[in-house]
Amino acid sequence: MKKYTSLGELLKDFRDLNNISQADLAAKFDVDIRTISRWEKNETLLKPDKEEEMATITFIPYQVIRNLNAPVSIPIYYD
């Protein structure tokens, strides 16, 4: 179990675990690849509709995504 302090860190680990490129993930979300890069660098937060979409696409629980996608994220343990 790993402690995540940001959504970007979780997204990077998800992509590495599933061998998905930023371009592939961008296509699933129907966003530009630069958006995925910004999410992973924690430069921008996801919009609320993308939080639900992320839970559906990645099977990461919505509450985990919600806690990490806040202006002041709530660290969470997840594996």
PDB file of N, CA and C in Angstrom:
ATOM      1  N   MET A   1       0.849  -1.169   0.000  1.00  0.00           N
ATOM      2  CA  MET A   1       0.000   0.000   0.000  1.00  0.00           C
ATOM      3  C   MET A   1       0.898   1.236   0.000  1.00  0.00           C
ATOM      4  N   LYS A   2       0.539   2.188  -0.812  1.00  0.00           N
ATOM      5  CA  LYS A   2       1.342   3.402  -0.977  1.00  0.00           C
ATOM      6  C   LYS A   2       0.516   4.618  -0.563  1.00  0.00           C
ATOM      7  N   LYS A   3       1.209   5.581   0.022  1.00  0.00           N
ATOM      8  CA  LYS A   3       0.544   6.829   0.404  1.00  0.00           C
ATOM      9  C   LYS A   3       0.671   7.816  -0.751  1.00  0.00           C
ATOM     10  N   TYR A   4      -0.478   8.261  -1.245  1.00  0.00           N
ATOM     11  CA  TYR A   4      -0.511   9.254  -2.317  1.00  0.00           C
ATOM     12  C   TYR A   4      -0.873  10.606  -1.740  1.00  0.00           C
ATOM     13  N   THR A   5      -0.136  11.612  -2.180  1.00  0.00           N
ATOM     14  CA  THR A   5      -0.412  12.966  -1.713  1.00  0.00           C
ATOM     15  C   THR A   5      -0.934  13.844  -2.848  1.00  0.00           C
ATOM     16  N   SER A   6      -0.935  13.288  -4.067  1.00  0.00           N
ATOM     17  CA  SER A   6      -1.440  14.061  -5.207  1.00  0.00           C
ATOM     18  C   SER A   6      -2.069  13.123  -6.230  1.00  0.00           C
ATOM     19  N   LEU A   7      -3.001  13.654  -6.970  1.00  0.00           N
ATOM     20  CA  LEU A   7      -3.658  12.886  -8.021  1.00  0.00           C
ATOM     21  C   LEU A   7      -2.675  12.589  -9.155  1.00  0.00           C
ATOM     22  N   GLY A   8      -1.780  13.520  -9.428  1.00  0.00           N
ATOM     23  CA  GLY A   8      -0.795  13.311 -10.486  1.00  0.00           C
ATOM     24  C   GLY A   8       0.064  12.088 -10.239  1.00  0.00           C
ATOM     25  N   GLU A   9       0.481  11.913  -9.017  1.00  0.00           N
ATOM     26  CA  GLU A   9       1.292  10.757  -8.647  1.00  0.00           C
ATOM     27  C   GLU A   9       0.509   9.459  -8.867  1.00  0.00           C
ATOM     28  N   LEU A  10      -0.755   9.466  -8.496  1.00  0.00           N
ATOM     29  CA  LEU A  10      -1.613   8.296  -8.690  1.00  0.00           C
ATOM     30  C   LEU A  10      -1.808   8.009 -10.179  1.00  0.00           C
ATOM     31  N   LEU A  11      -2.022   9.042 -10.983  1.00  0.00           N
ATOM     32  CA  LEU A  11      -2.196   8.854 -12.424  1.00  0.00           C
ATOM     33  C   LEU A  11      -0.943   8.265 -13.071  1.00  0.00           C
ATOM     34  N   LYS A  12       0.223   8.760 -12.677  1.00  0.00           N
ATOM     35  CA  LYS A  12       1.465   8.228 -13.233  1.00  0.00           C
ATOM     36  C   LYS A  12       1.603   6.745 -12.899  1.00  0.00           C
ATOM     37  N   ASP A  13       1.355   6.397 -11.641  1.00  0.00           N
ATOM     38  CA  ASP A  13       1.450   4.995 -11.240  1.00  0.00           C
ATOM     39  C   ASP A  13       0.422   4.140 -11.974  1.00  0.00           C
ATOM     40  N   PHE A  14      -0.780   4.661 -12.172  1.00  0.00           N
ATOM     41  CA  PHE A  14      -1.810   3.927 -12.905  1.00  0.00           C
ATOM     42  C   PHE A  14      -1.347   3.653 -14.331  1.00  0.00           C
ATOM     43  N   ARG A  15      -0.798   4.681 -14.981  1.00  0.00           N
ATOM     44  CA  ARG A  15      -0.334   4.501 -16.357  1.00  0.00           C
ATOM     45  C   ARG A  15       0.811   3.500 -16.435  1.00  0.00           C
ATOM     46  N   ASP A  16       1.754   3.598 -15.489  1.00  0.00           N
ATOM     47  CA  ASP A  16       2.892   2.669 -15.477  1.00  0.00           C
ATOM     48  C   ASP A  16       2.421   1.234 -15.250  1.00  0.00           C
ATOM     49  N   LEU A  17       1.521   1.052 -14.317  1.00  0.00           N
ATOM     50  CA  LEU A  17       1.016  -0.283 -13.984  1.00  0.00           C
ATOM     51  C   LEU A  17       0.284  -0.921 -15.166  1.00  0.00           C
ATOM     52  N   ASN A  18      -0.435  -0.105 -15.931  1.00  0.00           N
ATOM     53  CA  ASN A  18      -1.240  -0.610 -17.038  1.00  0.00           C
ATOM     54  C   ASN A  18      -0.591  -0.410 -18.408  1.00  0.00           C
ATOM     55  N   ASN A  19       0.656   0.074 -18.423  1.00  0.00           N
ATOM     56  CA  ASN A  19       1.383   0.319 -19.674  1.00  0.00           C
ATOM     57  C   ASN A  19       0.571   1.157 -20.658  1.00  0.00           C
ATOM     58  N   ILE A  20       0.063   2.280 -20.162  1.00  0.00           N
ATOM     59  CA  ILE A  20      -0.731   3.194 -20.979  1.00  0.00           C
ATOM     60  C   ILE A  20       0.068   4.484 -21.151  1.00  0.00           C
ATOM     61  N   SER A  21       0.135   4.974 -22.358  1.00  0.00           N
ATOM     62  CA  SER A  21       0.836   6.240 -22.600  1.00  0.00           C
ATOM     63  C   SER A  21      -0.093   7.411 -22.268  1.00  0.00           C
ATOM     64  N   GLN A  22       0.499   8.590 -22.167  1.00  0.00           N
ATOM     65  CA  GLN A  22      -0.309   9.782 -21.937  1.00  0.00           C
ATOM     66  C   GLN A  22      -1.275   9.987 -23.100  1.00  0.00           C
ATOM     67  N   ALA A  23      -0.839   9.685 -24.301  1.00  0.00           N
ATOM     68  CA  ALA A  23      -1.697   9.854 -25.476  1.00  0.00           C
ATOM     69  C   ALA A  23      -2.898   8.907 -25.416  1.00  0.00           C
ATOM     70  N   ASP A  24      -2.667   7.672 -25.007  1.00  0.00           N
ATOM     71  CA  ASP A  24      -3.775   6.711 -24.893  1.00  0.00           C
ATOM     72  C   ASP A  24      -4.779   7.153 -23.835  1.00  0.00           C
ATOM     73  N   LEU A  25      -4.257   7.622 -22.703  1.00  0.00           N
ATOM     74  CA  LEU A  25      -5.143   8.075 -21.632  1.00  0.00           C
ATOM     75  C   LEU A  25      -5.912   9.322 -22.065  1.00  0.00           C
ATOM     76  N   ALA A  26      -5.241  10.211 -22.776  1.00  0.00           N
ATOM     77  CA  ALA A  26      -5.898  11.420 -23.284  1.00  0.00           C
ATOM     78  C   ALA A  26      -7.047  11.047 -24.222  1.00  0.00           C
ATOM     79  N   ALA A  27      -6.835  10.030 -25.039  1.00  0.00           N
ATOM     80  CA  ALA A  27      -7.883   9.591 -25.965  1.00  0.00           C
ATOM     81  C   ALA A  27      -9.086   9.042 -25.200  1.00  0.00           C
ATOM     82  N   LYS A  28      -8.835   8.310 -24.119  1.00  0.00           N
ATOM     83  CA  LYS A  28      -9.940   7.763 -23.321  1.00  0.00           C
ATOM     84  C   LYS A  28     -10.761   8.864 -22.670  1.00  0.00           C
ATOM     85  N   PHE A  29     -10.093   9.937 -22.266  1.00  0.00           N
ATOM     86  CA  PHE A  29     -10.780  11.062 -21.619  1.00  0.00           C
ATOM     87  C   PHE A  29     -11.274  12.096 -22.618  1.00  0.00           C
ATOM     88  N   ASP A  30     -10.896  11.941 -23.871  1.00  0.00           N
ATOM     89  CA  ASP A  30     -11.243  12.900 -24.912  1.00  0.00           C
ATOM     90  C   ASP A  30     -10.735  14.298 -24.557  1.00  0.00           C
ATOM     91  N   VAL A  31      -9.458  14.337 -24.138  1.00  0.00           N
ATOM     92  CA  VAL A  31      -8.785  15.607 -23.828  1.00  0.00           C
ATOM     93  C   VAL A  31      -7.452  15.629 -24.566  1.00  0.00           C
ATOM     94  N   ASP A  32      -6.811  16.776 -24.576  1.00  0.00           N
ATOM     95  CA  ASP A  32      -5.508  16.934 -25.197  1.00  0.00           C
ATOM     96  C   ASP A  32      -4.443  16.273 -24.318  1.00  0.00           C
ATOM     97  N   ILE A  33      -3.383  15.787 -24.929  1.00  0.00           N
ATOM     98  CA  ILE A  33      -2.303  15.147 -24.178  1.00  0.00           C
ATOM     99  C   ILE A  33      -1.678  16.110 -23.162  1.00  0.00           C
ATOM    100  N   ARG A  34      -1.697  17.398 -23.494  1.00  0.00           N
ATOM    101  CA  ARG A  34      -1.143  18.390 -22.549  1.00  0.00           C
ATOM    102  C   ARG A  34      -1.966  18.459 -21.272  1.00  0.00           C
ATOM    103  N   THR A  35      -3.252  18.160 -21.371  1.00  0.00           N
ATOM    104  CA  THR A  35      -4.105  18.142 -20.177  1.00  0.00           C
ATOM    105  C   THR A  35      -3.667  17.020 -19.242  1.00  0.00           C
ATOM    106  N   ILE A  36      -3.385  15.854 -19.801  1.00  0.00           N
ATOM    107  CA  ILE A  36      -2.911  14.729 -18.985  1.00  0.00           C
ATOM    108  C   ILE A  36      -1.592  15.105 -18.322  1.00  0.00           C
ATOM    109  N   SER A  37      -0.709  15.732 -19.073  1.00  0.00           N
ATOM    110  CA  SER A  37       0.576  16.164 -18.534  1.00  0.00           C
ATOM    111  C   SER A  37       0.384  17.143 -17.379  1.00  0.00           C
ATOM    112  N   ARG A  38      -0.542  18.081 -17.529  1.00  0.00           N
ATOM    113  CA  ARG A  38      -0.808  19.059 -16.459  1.00  0.00           C
ATOM    114  C   ARG A  38      -1.388  18.377 -15.226  1.00  0.00           C
ATOM    115  N   TRP A  39      -2.259  17.392 -15.436  1.00  0.00           N
ATOM    116  CA  TRP A  39      -2.816  16.652 -14.295  1.00  0.00           C
ATOM    117  C   TRP A  39      -1.708  15.915 -13.548  1.00  0.00           C
ATOM    118  N   GLU A  40      -0.808  15.280 -14.299  1.00  0.00           N
ATOM    119  CA  GLU A  40       0.261  14.515 -13.674  1.00  0.00           C
ATOM    120  C   GLU A  40       1.276  15.408 -12.954  1.00  0.00           C
ATOM    121  N   LYS A  41       1.447  16.620 -13.443  1.00  0.00           N
ATOM    122  CA  LYS A  41       2.361  17.568 -12.798  1.00  0.00           C
ATOM    123  C   LYS A  41       1.661  18.368 -11.707  1.00  0.00           C
ATOM    124  N   ASN A  42       0.371  18.095 -11.500  1.00  0.00           N
ATOM    125  CA  ASN A  42      -0.445  18.802 -10.513  1.00  0.00           C
ATOM    126  C   ASN A  42      -0.503  20.305 -10.779  1.00  0.00           C
ATOM    127  N   GLU A  43      -0.491  20.662 -12.057  1.00  0.00           N
ATOM    128  CA  GLU A  43      -0.608  22.066 -12.440  1.00  0.00           C
ATOM    129  C   GLU A  43      -2.066  22.503 -12.493  1.00  0.00           C
ATOM    130  N   THR A  44      -2.957  21.562 -12.785  1.00  0.00           N
ATOM    131  CA  THR A  44      -4.391  21.856 -12.816  1.00  0.00           C
ATOM    132  C   THR A  44      -5.154  20.726 -12.143  1.00  0.00           C
ATOM    133  N   LEU A  45      -6.346  21.050 -11.679  1.00  0.00           N
ATOM    134  CA  LEU A  45      -7.230  20.046 -11.089  1.00  0.00           C
ATOM    135  C   LEU A  45      -8.205  19.551 -12.145  1.00  0.00           C
ATOM    136  N   LEU A  46      -8.743  18.377 -11.931  1.00  0.00           N
ATOM    137  CA  LEU A  46      -9.775  17.844 -12.815  1.00  0.00           C
ATOM    138  C   LEU A  46     -11.072  18.588 -12.564  1.00  0.00           C
ATOM    139  N   LYS A  47     -11.861  18.739 -13.607  1.00  0.00           N
ATOM    140  CA  LYS A  47     -13.203  19.288 -13.443  1.00  0.00           C
ATOM    141  C   LYS A  47     -14.076  18.182 -12.853  1.00  0.00           C
ATOM    142  N   PRO A  48     -15.130  18.549 -12.130  1.00  0.00           N
ATOM    143  CA  PRO A  48     -15.972  17.529 -11.482  1.00  0.00           C
ATOM    144  C   PRO A  48     -16.484  16.429 -12.414  1.00  0.00           C
ATOM    145  N   ASP A  49     -16.833  16.780 -13.648  1.00  0.00           N
ATOM    146  CA  ASP A  49     -17.311  15.740 -14.561  1.00  0.00           C
ATOM    147  C   ASP A  49     -16.193  14.769 -14.945  1.00  0.00           C
ATOM    148  N   LYS A  50     -14.959  15.236 -14.968  1.00  0.00           N
ATOM    149  CA  LYS A  50     -13.822  14.369 -15.278  1.00  0.00           C
ATOM    150  C   LYS A  50     -13.486  13.454 -14.095  1.00  0.00           C
ATOM    151  N   GLU A  51     -13.808  13.883 -12.871  1.00  0.00           N
ATOM    152  CA  GLU A  51     -13.594  13.015 -11.712  1.00  0.00           C
ATOM    153  C   GLU A  51     -14.427  11.750 -11.849  1.00  0.00           C
ATOM    154  N   GLU A  52     -15.689  11.914 -12.192  1.00  0.00           N
ATOM    155  CA  GLU A  52     -16.570  10.758 -12.356  1.00  0.00           C
ATOM    156  C   GLU A  52     -16.113   9.903 -13.529  1.00  0.00           C
ATOM    157  N   GLU A  53     -15.709  10.557 -14.597  1.00  0.00           N
ATOM    158  CA  GLU A  53     -15.233   9.829 -15.768  1.00  0.00           C
ATOM    159  C   GLU A  53     -13.970   9.036 -15.430  1.00  0.00           C
ATOM    160  N   MET A  54     -13.075   9.637 -14.633  1.00  0.00           N
ATOM    161  CA  MET A  54     -11.854   8.949 -14.242  1.00  0.00           C
ATOM    162  C   MET A  54     -12.166   7.704 -13.415  1.00  0.00           C
ATOM    163  N   ALA A  55     -13.119   7.816 -12.514  1.00  0.00           N
ATOM    164  CA  ALA A  55     -13.504   6.659 -11.705  1.00  0.00           C
ATOM    165  C   ALA A  55     -14.024   5.536 -12.596  1.00  0.00           C
ATOM    166  N   THR A  56     -14.787   5.887 -13.612  1.00  0.00           N
ATOM    167  CA  THR A  56     -15.343   4.897 -14.537  1.00  0.00           C
ATOM    168  C   THR A  56     -14.253   4.269 -15.400  1.00  0.00           C
ATOM    169  N   ILE A  57     -13.334   5.071 -15.900  1.00  0.00           N
ATOM    170  CA  ILE A  57     -12.293   4.584 -16.812  1.00  0.00           C
ATOM    171  C   ILE A  57     -11.219   3.788 -16.075  1.00  0.00           C
ATOM    172  N   THR A  58     -10.778   4.273 -14.922  1.00  0.00           N
ATOM    173  CA  THR A  58      -9.639   3.665 -14.227  1.00  0.00           C
ATOM    174  C   THR A  58     -10.040   2.663 -13.149  1.00  0.00           C
ATOM    175  N   PHE A  59     -11.300   2.660 -12.757  1.00  0.00           N
ATOM    176  CA  PHE A  59     -11.793   1.823 -11.652  1.00  0.00           C
ATOM    177  C   PHE A  59     -11.164   2.196 -10.313  1.00  0.00           C
ATOM    178  N   ILE A  60     -10.606   3.406 -10.240  1.00  0.00           N
ATOM    179  CA  ILE A  60     -10.130   3.938  -8.969  1.00  0.00           C
ATOM    180  C   ILE A  60     -11.361   4.500  -8.264  1.00  0.00           C
ATOM    181  N   PRO A  61     -11.552   4.178  -6.982  1.00  0.00           N
ATOM    182  CA  PRO A  61     -12.753   4.670  -6.300  1.00  0.00           C
ATOM    183  C   PRO A  61     -12.879   6.197  -6.377  1.00  0.00           C
ATOM    184  N   TYR A  62     -14.110   6.644  -6.569  1.00  0.00           N
ATOM    185  CA  TYR A  62     -14.387   8.079  -6.712  1.00  0.00           C
ATOM    186  C   TYR A  62     -13.861   8.870  -5.513  1.00  0.00           C
ATOM    187  N   GLN A  63     -14.025   8.345  -4.310  1.00  0.00           N
ATOM    188  CA  GLN A  63     -13.604   9.081  -3.113  1.00  0.00           C
ATOM    189  C   GLN A  63     -12.087   9.290  -3.088  1.00  0.00           C
ATOM    190  N   VAL A  64     -11.330   8.329  -3.587  1.00  0.00           N
ATOM    191  CA  VAL A  64      -9.869   8.478  -3.669  1.00  0.00           C
ATOM    192  C   VAL A  64      -9.535   9.639  -4.612  1.00  0.00           C
ATOM    193  N   ILE A  65     -10.181   9.638  -5.774  1.00  0.00           N
ATOM    194  CA  ILE A  65      -9.955  10.710  -6.753  1.00  0.00           C
ATOM    195  C   ILE A  65     -10.364  12.053  -6.169  1.00  0.00           C
ATOM    196  N   ARG A  66     -11.518  12.092  -5.532  1.00  0.00           N
ATOM    197  CA  ARG A  66     -12.042  13.346  -4.963  1.00  0.00           C
ATOM    198  C   ARG A  66     -11.112  13.893  -3.891  1.00  0.00           C
ATOM    199  N   ASN A  67     -10.602  13.028  -3.018  1.00  0.00           N
ATOM    200  CA  ASN A  67      -9.712  13.473  -1.948  1.00  0.00           C
ATOM    201  C   ASN A  67      -8.409  14.059  -2.488  1.00  0.00           C
ATOM    202  N   LEU A  68      -7.901  13.466  -3.555  1.00  0.00           N
ATOM    203  CA  LEU A  68      -6.633  13.938  -4.115  1.00  0.00           C
ATOM    204  C   LEU A  68      -6.809  15.104  -5.077  1.00  0.00           C
ATOM    205  N   ASN A  69      -8.013  15.289  -5.582  1.00  0.00           N
ATOM    206  CA  ASN A  69      -8.280  16.359  -6.543  1.00  0.00           C
ATOM    207  C   ASN A  69      -8.913  17.565  -5.860  1.00  0.00           C
ATOM    208  N   ALA A  70      -8.336  17.975  -4.782  1.00  0.00           N
ATOM    209  CA  ALA A  70      -8.832  19.134  -4.039  1.00  0.00           C
ATOM    210  C   ALA A  70      -7.720  20.181  -3.988  1.00  0.00           C
ATOM    211  N   PRO A  71      -8.079  21.455  -3.816  1.00  0.00           N
ATOM    212  CA  PRO A  71      -7.036  22.488  -3.723  1.00  0.00           C
ATOM    213  C   PRO A  71      -6.009  22.154  -2.640  1.00  0.00           C
ATOM    214  N   VAL A  72      -6.478  21.600  -1.541  1.00  0.00           N
ATOM    215  CA  VAL A  72      -5.596  21.061  -0.500  1.00  0.00           C
ATOM    216  C   VAL A  72      -5.940  19.589  -0.409  1.00  0.00           C
ATOM    217  N   SER A  73      -5.125  18.765  -1.080  1.00  0.00           N
ATOM    218  CA  SER A  73      -5.471  17.346  -1.170  1.00  0.00           C
ATOM    219  C   SER A  73      -5.354  16.659   0.181  1.00  0.00           C
ATOM    220  N   ILE A  74      -6.146  15.613   0.326  1.00  0.00           N
ATOM    221  CA  ILE A  74      -6.146  14.800   1.532  1.00  0.00           C
ATOM    222  C   ILE A  74      -5.353  13.541   1.203  1.00  0.00           C
ATOM    223  N   PRO A  75      -4.154  13.370   1.796  1.00  0.00           N
ATOM    224  CA  PRO A  75      -3.353  12.183   1.499  1.00  0.00           C
ATOM    225  C   PRO A  75      -4.143  10.910   1.795  1.00  0.00           C
ATOM    226  N   ILE A  76      -3.882   9.888   0.979  1.00  0.00           N
ATOM    227  CA  ILE A  76      -4.650   8.655   1.106  1.00  0.00           C
ATOM    228  C   ILE A  76      -3.751   7.466   0.777  1.00  0.00           C
ATOM    229  N   TYR A  77      -3.977   6.359   1.473  1.00  0.00           N
ATOM    230  CA  TYR A  77      -3.251   5.129   1.185  1.00  0.00           C
ATOM    231  C   TYR A  77      -4.087   4.325   0.195  1.00  0.00           C
ATOM    232  N   TYR A  78      -3.430   3.840  -0.866  1.00  0.00           N
ATOM    233  CA  TYR A  78      -4.155   3.090  -1.900  1.00  0.00           C
ATOM    234  C   TYR A  78      -3.178   2.165  -2.614  1.00  0.00           C
ATOM    235  N   ASP A  79      -3.677   1.010  -3.015  1.00  0.00           N
ATOM    236  CA  ASP A  79      -2.851   0.099  -3.822  1.00  0.00           C
ATOM    237  C   ASP A  79      -3.655  -0.561  -4.902  1.00  0.00           C
TER     238      ASP A  79
END
